Amino acid sequence: MREGEPWPNASELAEVEADIAALTQAAKAKEITVSTLLQLLPDLERRRDELKLERGRFSKARHQAASPSVDTLEDFLALPLERQQALILHSLSAILIHPAGRGVRKFDPSLIEPVWR
C-alpha cells in the first residue's frame, strides 16, 4: 500500500450515497411512494455502511503503514516529544490507579498500573 494511494471504492460510495439522496428526494417530491422507498433503502444503506467500514479500515491500515515503528529506546528518545506522547497514548488502553488507603498518603507511583493494548 503506497502512502498517497486513494481508497479504491470511493466512487462506489459516492454513487450509493447519491442513490440514497435521490430516492429520499423522489419520495419527498411524491415521485415514488414511501413503501417503495422503504423497500429500496435498506439494501443501499447496508451497502453504504459496509463501504464506510471498509474505508475506515483502509484509512487505519494506511495510517499504521505510514507511521514509523520504534524498535529501540534510542529510536523512541530520538522522536519529538509530541510523537512520543502519541505512541504512548496509542499503546495504552487504560491506566488503573489503585487505592492508597485511608488518610493522608504520599504519592506512590507503584499504585499506577498501565494497561497495554
Protein backbone atom coordinates (compact mmCIF):
# COMPACT_ATOMS: atom_id res chain seq x y z
CA MET A 1 0.00 0.00 0.00
CA ARG A 2 1.52 3.27 -1.11
CA GLU A 3 1.25 6.33 1.09
CA GLY A 4 -0.66 8.62 -1.31
CA GLU A 5 -2.88 5.86 -2.68
CA PRO A 6 -6.59 6.80 -2.56
CA TRP A 7 -9.26 4.41 -1.34
CA PRO A 8 -10.27 2.35 -4.39
CA ASN A 9 -14.04 2.26 -3.64
CA ALA A 10 -14.57 6.00 -3.14
CA SER A 11 -16.56 6.31 -6.36
CA GLU A 12 -18.85 3.41 -5.39
CA LEU A 13 -19.54 5.01 -2.01
CA ALA A 14 -20.34 8.33 -3.69
CA GLU A 15 -22.72 6.54 -6.08
CA VAL A 16 -24.52 4.74 -3.25
CA GLU A 17 -24.87 7.98 -1.27
CA ALA A 18 -26.17 9.75 -4.38
CA ASP A 19 -28.71 6.94 -4.93
CA ILE A 20 -29.90 7.25 -1.33
CA ALA A 21 -30.24 11.02 -1.68
CA ALA A 22 -32.09 10.65 -5.00
CA LEU A 23 -34.53 8.13 -3.51
CA THR A 24 -35.31 10.29 -0.50
CA GLN A 25 -35.71 13.34 -2.74
CA ALA A 26 -38.06 11.38 -5.02
CA ALA A 27 -40.13 10.35 -2.02
CA LYS A 28 -40.32 13.95 -0.81
CA ALA A 29 -41.39 15.07 -4.27
CA LYS A 30 -44.05 12.31 -4.29
CA GLU A 31 -42.48 10.68 -7.36
CA ILE A 32 -42.31 7.33 -5.51
CA THR A 33 -44.33 6.04 -2.60
CA VAL A 34 -42.97 5.71 0.89
CA SER A 35 -43.46 1.93 0.76
CA THR A 36 -41.25 1.78 -2.35
CA LEU A 37 -38.66 3.90 -0.58
CA LEU A 38 -38.74 1.59 2.43
CA GLN A 39 -38.20 -1.42 0.16
CA LEU A 40 -35.24 0.07 -1.73
CA LEU A 41 -33.48 1.96 1.05
CA PRO A 42 -32.29 -0.83 3.41
CA ASP A 43 -30.04 -2.53 0.83
CA LEU A 44 -28.48 0.79 -0.18
CA GLU A 45 -27.94 1.83 3.44
CA ARG A 46 -26.40 -1.56 4.26
CA ARG A 47 -24.01 -1.24 1.31
CA ARG A 48 -23.17 2.34 2.33
CA ASP A 49 -22.36 1.21 5.87
CA GLU A 50 -20.18 -1.65 4.56
CA LEU A 51 -18.27 0.76 2.34
CA LYS A 52 -17.76 3.24 5.17
CA LEU A 53 -16.42 0.47 7.39
CA GLU A 54 -14.09 -0.66 4.62
CA ARG A 55 -12.93 2.94 4.12
CA GLY A 56 -12.18 3.25 7.83
CA ARG A 57 -10.16 0.03 7.81
CA PHE A 58 -8.27 1.20 4.73
CA SER A 59 -7.51 4.54 6.35
CA LYS A 60 -6.35 2.88 9.56
CA ALA A 61 -4.09 0.46 7.68
CA ARG A 62 -2.62 3.30 5.62
CA HIS A 63 -2.00 5.36 8.77
CA GLN A 64 -0.32 2.43 10.53
CA ALA A 65 1.85 1.74 7.48
CA ALA A 66 2.88 5.40 7.30
CA SER A 67 3.79 5.71 10.97
CA PRO A 68 7.38 4.78 11.70
CA SER A 69 7.87 1.89 14.06
CA VAL A 70 10.08 2.30 17.06
CA ASP A 71 12.14 -0.76 17.90
CA THR A 72 14.64 0.56 20.41
CA LEU A 73 14.67 3.00 23.27
CA GLU A 74 17.16 5.16 21.37
CA ASP A 75 14.76 5.44 18.43
CA PHE A 76 11.94 6.38 20.79
CA LEU A 77 14.02 9.02 22.59
CA ALA A 78 15.12 10.49 19.26
CA LEU A 79 11.49 11.28 18.36
CA PRO A 80 9.94 14.66 19.23
CA LEU A 81 8.01 14.75 22.50
CA GLU A 82 4.65 15.06 20.72
CA ARG A 83 5.32 11.88 18.72
CA GLN A 84 6.43 10.05 21.89
CA GLN A 85 3.17 11.03 23.58
CA ALA A 86 1.14 9.89 20.58
CA LEU A 87 2.87 6.50 20.54
CA ILE A 88 2.27 6.00 24.25
CA LEU A 89 -1.38 7.07 24.03
CA HIS A 90 -1.89 4.72 21.09
CA SER A 91 -0.31 1.83 23.01
CA LEU A 92 -2.40 2.27 26.18
CA SER A 93 -5.98 1.16 26.59
CA ALA A 94 -6.36 2.32 30.21
CA ILE A 95 -4.50 3.40 33.33
CA LEU A 96 -5.53 1.95 36.67
CA ILE A 97 -4.92 3.89 39.87
CA HIS A 98 -5.10 1.54 42.84
CA PRO A 99 -6.38 2.89 46.18
CA ALA A 100 -3.74 4.14 48.60
CA GLY A 101 -5.73 3.54 51.76
CA ARG A 102 -7.29 5.95 54.19
CA GLY A 103 -5.87 9.18 55.49
CA VAL A 104 -3.22 11.44 54.06
CA ARG A 105 -0.87 9.47 51.83
CA LYS A 106 2.21 10.45 49.87
CA PHE A 107 2.32 9.91 46.13
CA ASP A 108 3.18 6.28 45.38
CA PRO A 109 3.90 5.58 41.69
CA SER A 110 3.69 1.82 42.31
CA LEU A 111 -0.10 2.25 42.60
CA ILE A 112 -0.32 3.32 38.95
CA GLU A 113 -0.79 0.42 36.54
CA PRO A 114 -0.79 0.93 32.76
CA VAL A 115 -2.96 -1.44 30.72
CA TRP A 116 -1.27 -2.01 27.35
CA ARG A 117 -3.11 -2.89 24.16
